Amino acid sequence: MPVYEFECPEGTVSERLVKMDTKQIKCPKCGKTAKKIISQCGFELKGGGWYADGYASKK
């Protein structure tokens, strides 16, 4: 199960390990309905190779 971020109407953002189809949870701080939000990804590709220039490394 993946970790998703949820935000309640009060602005509290919390992370929760839930099933992919979970759309909302109960806010752990205020108890209101918190909806799933799209969060920033910490994924970064570095170095040479296909992801740097679009092609496989030359051998």
PDB file of N, CA and C in Angstrom:
ATOM      1  N   MET A   1       0.838  -1.179   0.000  1.00  0.00           N
ATOM      2  CA  MET A   1       0.000   0.000   0.000  1.00  0.00           C
ATOM      3  C   MET A   1       0.889   1.251   0.000  1.00  0.00           C
ATOM      4  N   PRO A   2       0.543   2.235  -0.817  1.00  0.00           N
ATOM      5  CA  PRO A   2       1.339   3.466  -0.879  1.00  0.00           C
ATOM      6  C   PRO A   2       0.946   4.478   0.199  1.00  0.00           C
ATOM      7  N   VAL A   3       1.838   5.433   0.420  1.00  0.00           N
ATOM      8  CA  VAL A   3       1.588   6.523   1.360  1.00  0.00           C
ATOM      9  C   VAL A   3       1.053   7.708   0.570  1.00  0.00           C
ATOM     10  N   TYR A   4      -0.064   8.268   1.012  1.00  0.00           N
ATOM     11  CA  TYR A   4      -0.678   9.428   0.366  1.00  0.00           C
ATOM     12  C   TYR A   4      -0.815  10.561   1.362  1.00  0.00           C
ATOM     13  N   GLU A   5      -0.903  11.799   0.834  1.00  0.00           N
ATOM     14  CA  GLU A   5      -1.145  12.955   1.671  1.00  0.00           C
ATOM     15  C   GLU A   5      -2.611  13.345   1.565  1.00  0.00           C
ATOM     16  N   PHE A   6      -3.169  13.772   2.697  1.00  0.00           N
ATOM     17  CA  PHE A   6      -4.559  14.207   2.772  1.00  0.00           C
ATOM     18  C   PHE A   6      -4.593  15.572   3.440  1.00  0.00           C
ATOM     19  N   GLU A   7      -5.528  16.432   2.991  1.00  0.00           N
ATOM     20  CA  GLU A   7      -5.674  17.759   3.577  1.00  0.00           C
ATOM     21  C   GLU A   7      -7.122  17.979   3.993  1.00  0.00           C
ATOM     22  N   CYS A   8      -7.304  18.483   5.211  1.00  0.00           N
ATOM     23  CA  CYS A   8      -8.653  18.764   5.717  1.00  0.00           C
ATOM     24  C   CYS A   8      -9.008  20.221   5.450  1.00  0.00           C
ATOM     25  N   PRO A   9     -10.270  20.610   5.635  1.00  0.00           N
ATOM     26  CA  PRO A   9     -10.694  21.995   5.398  1.00  0.00           C
ATOM     27  C   PRO A   9      -9.973  23.004   6.304  1.00  0.00           C
ATOM     28  N   GLU A  10      -9.437  22.551   7.418  1.00  0.00           N
ATOM     29  CA  GLU A  10      -8.712  23.430   8.343  1.00  0.00           C
ATOM     30  C   GLU A  10      -7.272  23.670   7.875  1.00  0.00           C
ATOM     31  N   GLY A  11      -6.822  22.919   6.857  1.00  0.00           N
ATOM     32  CA  GLY A  11      -5.475  23.090   6.313  1.00  0.00           C
ATOM     33  C   GLY A  11      -4.449  22.102   6.837  1.00  0.00           C
ATOM     34  N   THR A  12      -4.868  21.174   7.664  1.00  0.00           N
ATOM     35  CA  THR A  12      -3.950  20.170   8.194  1.00  0.00           C
ATOM     36  C   THR A  12      -3.637  19.140   7.113  1.00  0.00           C
ATOM     37  N   VAL A  13      -2.344  18.921   6.872  1.00  0.00           N
ATOM     38  CA  VAL A  13      -1.906  17.914   5.898  1.00  0.00           C
ATOM     39  C   VAL A  13      -1.318  16.747   6.686  1.00  0.00           C
ATOM     40  N   SER A  14      -1.793  15.550   6.381  1.00  0.00           N
ATOM     41  CA  SER A  14      -1.294  14.363   7.059  1.00  0.00           C
ATOM     42  C   SER A  14      -1.027  13.269   6.041  1.00  0.00           C
ATOM     43  N   GLU A  15      -0.090  12.389   6.380  1.00  0.00           N
ATOM     44  CA  GLU A  15       0.247  11.255   5.520  1.00  0.00           C
ATOM     45  C   GLU A  15      -0.379  10.004   6.105  1.00  0.00           C
ATOM     46  N   ARG A  16      -0.792   9.112   5.218  1.00  0.00           N
ATOM     47  CA  ARG A  16      -1.423   7.874   5.670  1.00  0.00           C
ATOM     48  C   ARG A  16      -1.108   6.765   4.679  1.00  0.00           C
ATOM     49  N   LEU A  17      -0.848   5.589   5.182  1.00  0.00           N
ATOM     50  CA  LEU A  17      -0.638   4.398   4.381  1.00  0.00           C
ATOM     51  C   LEU A  17      -2.011   3.791   4.118  1.00  0.00           C
ATOM     52  N   VAL A  18      -2.512   3.938   2.876  1.00  0.00           N
ATOM     53  CA  VAL A  18      -3.872   3.505   2.540  1.00  0.00           C
ATOM     54  C   VAL A  18      -3.895   2.810   1.186  1.00  0.00           C
ATOM     55  N   LYS A  19      -5.018   2.191   0.881  1.00  0.00           N
ATOM     56  CA  LYS A  19      -5.208   1.577  -0.436  1.00  0.00           C
ATOM     57  C   LYS A  19      -5.273   2.671  -1.498  1.00  0.00           C
ATOM     58  N   MET A  20      -4.940   2.320  -2.730  1.00  0.00           N
ATOM     59  CA  MET A  20      -4.887   3.292  -3.818  1.00  0.00           C
ATOM     60  C   MET A  20      -6.222   3.966  -4.085  1.00  0.00           C
ATOM     61  N   ASP A  21      -7.314   3.266  -3.893  1.00  0.00           N
ATOM     62  CA  ASP A  21      -8.621   3.836  -4.226  1.00  0.00           C
ATOM     63  C   ASP A  21      -9.231   4.668  -3.087  1.00  0.00           C
ATOM     64  N   THR A  22      -8.496   4.880  -1.988  1.00  0.00           N
ATOM     65  CA  THR A  22      -8.983   5.694  -0.874  1.00  0.00           C
ATOM     66  C   THR A  22      -9.008   7.157  -1.301  1.00  0.00           C
ATOM     67  N   LYS A  23     -10.163   7.800  -1.210  1.00  0.00           N
ATOM     68  CA  LYS A  23     -10.328   9.193  -1.639  1.00  0.00           C
ATOM     69  C   LYS A  23     -10.281  10.177  -0.476  1.00  0.00           C
ATOM     70  N   GLN A  24     -10.690   9.719   0.703  1.00  0.00           N
ATOM     71  CA  GLN A  24     -10.718  10.606   1.858  1.00  0.00           C
ATOM     72  C   GLN A  24     -10.556   9.809   3.146  1.00  0.00           C
ATOM     73  N   ILE A  25     -10.105  10.509   4.182  1.00  0.00           N
ATOM     74  CA  ILE A  25      -9.931   9.913   5.504  1.00  0.00           C
ATOM     75  C   ILE A  25     -10.459  10.901   6.543  1.00  0.00           C
ATOM     76  N   LYS A  26     -10.516  10.479   7.773  1.00  0.00           N
ATOM     77  CA  LYS A  26     -10.877  11.366   8.874  1.00  0.00           C
ATOM     78  C   LYS A  26      -9.586  12.035   9.356  1.00  0.00           C
ATOM     79  N   CYS A  27      -9.585  13.364   9.439  1.00  0.00           N
ATOM     80  CA  CYS A  27      -8.409  14.109   9.877  1.00  0.00           C
ATOM     81  C   CYS A  27      -8.044  13.710  11.309  1.00  0.00           C
ATOM     82  N   PRO A  28      -6.776  13.351  11.557  1.00  0.00           N
ATOM     83  CA  PRO A  28      -6.390  12.954  12.909  1.00  0.00           C
ATOM     84  C   PRO A  28      -6.384  14.122  13.903  1.00  0.00           C
ATOM     85  N   LYS A  29      -6.348  15.365  13.406  1.00  0.00           N
ATOM     86  CA  LYS A  29      -6.284  16.532  14.292  1.00  0.00           C
ATOM     87  C   LYS A  29      -7.663  17.070  14.655  1.00  0.00           C
ATOM     88  N   CYS A  30      -8.519  17.305  13.620  1.00  0.00           N
ATOM     89  CA  CYS A  30      -9.817  17.936  13.890  1.00  0.00           C
ATOM     90  C   CYS A  30     -11.007  16.993  13.709  1.00  0.00           C
ATOM     91  N   GLY A  31     -10.811  15.850  13.062  1.00  0.00           N
ATOM     92  CA  GLY A  31     -11.887  14.887  12.878  1.00  0.00           C
ATOM     93  C   GLY A  31     -12.752  15.118  11.655  1.00  0.00           C
ATOM     94  N   LYS A  32     -12.477  16.201  10.898  1.00  0.00           N
ATOM     95  CA  LYS A  32     -13.247  16.473   9.681  1.00  0.00           C
ATOM     96  C   LYS A  32     -12.730  15.594   8.545  1.00  0.00           C
ATOM     97  N   THR A  33     -13.453  15.599   7.425  1.00  0.00           N
ATOM     98  CA  THR A  33     -13.064  14.802   6.273  1.00  0.00           C
ATOM     99  C   THR A  33     -11.883  15.444   5.555  1.00  0.00           C
ATOM    100  N   ALA A  34     -10.801  14.671   5.410  1.00  0.00           N
ATOM    101  CA  ALA A  34      -9.612  15.127   4.698  1.00  0.00           C
ATOM    102  C   ALA A  34      -9.570  14.439   3.344  1.00  0.00           C
ATOM    103  N   LYS A  35      -9.348  15.221   2.292  1.00  0.00           N
ATOM    104  CA  LYS A  35      -9.326  14.677   0.936  1.00  0.00           C
ATOM    105  C   LYS A  35      -7.901  14.472   0.445  1.00  0.00           C
ATOM    106  N   LYS A  36      -7.738  13.470  -0.424  1.00  0.00           N
ATOM    107  CA  LYS A  36      -6.435  13.153  -0.982  1.00  0.00           C
ATOM    108  C   LYS A  36      -5.956  14.315  -1.850  1.00  0.00           C
ATOM    109  N   ILE A  37      -4.679  14.666  -1.715  1.00  0.00           N
ATOM    110  CA  ILE A  37      -4.094  15.732  -2.521  1.00  0.00           C
ATOM    111  C   ILE A  37      -2.909  15.182  -3.304  1.00  0.00           C
ATOM    112  N   ILE A  38      -2.545  15.880  -4.352  1.00  0.00           N
ATOM    113  CA  ILE A  38      -1.363  15.517  -5.131  1.00  0.00           C
ATOM    114  C   ILE A  38      -0.176  16.229  -4.502  1.00  0.00           C
ATOM    115  N   SER A  39       0.805  15.473  -4.086  1.00  0.00           N
ATOM    116  CA  SER A  39       1.963  16.053  -3.428  1.00  0.00           C
ATOM    117  C   SER A  39       3.171  16.046  -4.358  1.00  0.00           C
ATOM    118  N   GLN A  40       4.172  16.840  -3.998  1.00  0.00           N
ATOM    119  CA  GLN A  40       5.389  16.892  -4.788  1.00  0.00           C
ATOM    120  C   GLN A  40       6.148  15.586  -4.648  1.00  0.00           C
ATOM    121  N   CYS A  41       6.844  15.249  -5.689  1.00  0.00           N
ATOM    122  CA  CYS A  41       7.627  14.025  -5.708  1.00  0.00           C
ATOM    123  C   CYS A  41       9.086  14.363  -5.421  1.00  0.00           C
ATOM    124  N   GLY A  42       9.741  13.565  -4.623  1.00  0.00           N
ATOM    125  CA  GLY A  42      11.149  13.775  -4.312  1.00  0.00           C
ATOM    126  C   GLY A  42      12.075  13.001  -5.220  1.00  0.00           C
ATOM    127  N   PHE A  43      11.573  12.515  -6.323  1.00  0.00           N
ATOM    128  CA  PHE A  43      12.325  11.683  -7.244  1.00  0.00           C
ATOM    129  C   PHE A  43      13.151  12.550  -8.190  1.00  0.00           C
ATOM    130  N   GLU A  44      14.456  12.276  -8.286  1.00  0.00           N
ATOM    131  CA  GLU A  44      15.323  13.051  -9.161  1.00  0.00           C
ATOM    132  C   GLU A  44      16.311  12.109  -9.837  1.00  0.00           C
ATOM    133  N   LEU A  45      16.454  12.244 -11.134  1.00  0.00           N
ATOM    134  CA  LEU A  45      17.397  11.425 -11.885  1.00  0.00           C
ATOM    135  C   LEU A  45      18.693  12.212 -12.064  1.00  0.00           C
ATOM    136  N   LYS A  46      19.826  11.570 -11.785  1.00  0.00           N
ATOM    137  CA  LYS A  46      21.121  12.228 -11.913  1.00  0.00           C
ATOM    138  C   LYS A  46      22.065  11.333 -12.686  1.00  0.00           C
ATOM    139  N   GLY A  47      23.081  11.945 -13.286  1.00  0.00           N
ATOM    140  CA  GLY A  47      24.108  11.183 -13.973  1.00  0.00           C
ATOM    141  C   GLY A  47      23.798  10.995 -15.451  1.00  0.00           C
ATOM    142  N   GLY A  48      24.678  10.276 -16.129  1.00  0.00           N
ATOM    143  CA  GLY A  48      24.508  10.019 -17.554  1.00  0.00           C
ATOM    144  C   GLY A  48      23.555   8.869 -17.800  1.00  0.00           C
ATOM    145  N   GLY A  49      23.243   8.653 -19.059  1.00  0.00           N
ATOM    146  CA  GLY A  49      22.359   7.545 -19.401  1.00  0.00           C
ATOM    147  C   GLY A  49      21.122   8.017 -20.120  1.00  0.00           C
ATOM    148  N   TRP A  50      20.176   7.100 -20.339  1.00  0.00           N
ATOM    149  CA  TRP A  50      18.972   7.412 -21.120  1.00  0.00           C
ATOM    150  C   TRP A  50      18.159   8.541 -20.528  1.00  0.00           C
ATOM    151  N   TYR A  51      18.119   8.648 -19.222  1.00  0.00           N
ATOM    152  CA  TYR A  51      17.284   9.670 -18.593  1.00  0.00           C
ATOM    153  C   TYR A  51      17.907  11.054 -18.689  1.00  0.00           C
ATOM    154  N   ALA A  52      19.207  11.162 -18.961  1.00  0.00           N
ATOM    155  CA  ALA A  52      19.859  12.472 -19.072  1.00  0.00           C
ATOM    156  C   ALA A  52      19.679  13.070 -20.468  1.00  0.00           C
ATOM    157  N   ASP A  53      19.762  12.229 -21.491  1.00  0.00           N
ATOM    158  CA  ASP A  53      19.697  12.759 -22.852  1.00  0.00           C
ATOM    159  C   ASP A  53      18.652  12.071 -23.743  1.00  0.00           C
ATOM    160  N   GLY A  54      17.893  11.155 -23.197  1.00  0.00           N
ATOM    161  CA  GLY A  54      16.849  10.496 -23.969  1.00  0.00           C
ATOM    162  C   GLY A  54      17.276   9.234 -24.684  1.00  0.00           C
ATOM    163  N   TYR A  55      18.546   8.873 -24.561  1.00  0.00           N
ATOM    164  CA  TYR A  55      19.049   7.697 -25.254  1.00  0.00           C
ATOM    165  C   TYR A  55      19.901   6.869 -24.303  1.00  0.00           C
ATOM    166  N   ALA A  56      20.115   5.626 -24.657  1.00  0.00           N
ATOM    167  CA  ALA A  56      20.959   4.749 -23.854  1.00  0.00           C
ATOM    168  C   ALA A  56      22.411   5.217 -23.918  1.00  0.00           C
ATOM    169  N   SER A  57      23.194   4.843 -22.906  1.00  0.00           N
ATOM    170  CA  SER A  57      24.609   5.205 -22.887  1.00  0.00           C
ATOM    171  C   SER A  57      25.327   4.590 -24.076  1.00  0.00           C
ATOM    172  N   LYS A  58      26.294   5.318 -24.602  1.00  0.00           N
ATOM    173  CA  LYS A  58      27.081   4.810 -25.729  1.00  0.00           C
ATOM    174  C   LYS A  58      28.192   3.942 -25.185  1.00  0.00           C
ATOM    175  N   LYS A  59      28.352   2.753 -25.770  1.00  0.00           N
ATOM    176  CA  LYS A  59      29.371   1.809 -25.300  1.00  0.00           C
ATOM    177  C   LYS A  59      30.464   1.656 -26.317  1.00  0.00           C
TER     178      LYS A  59
END
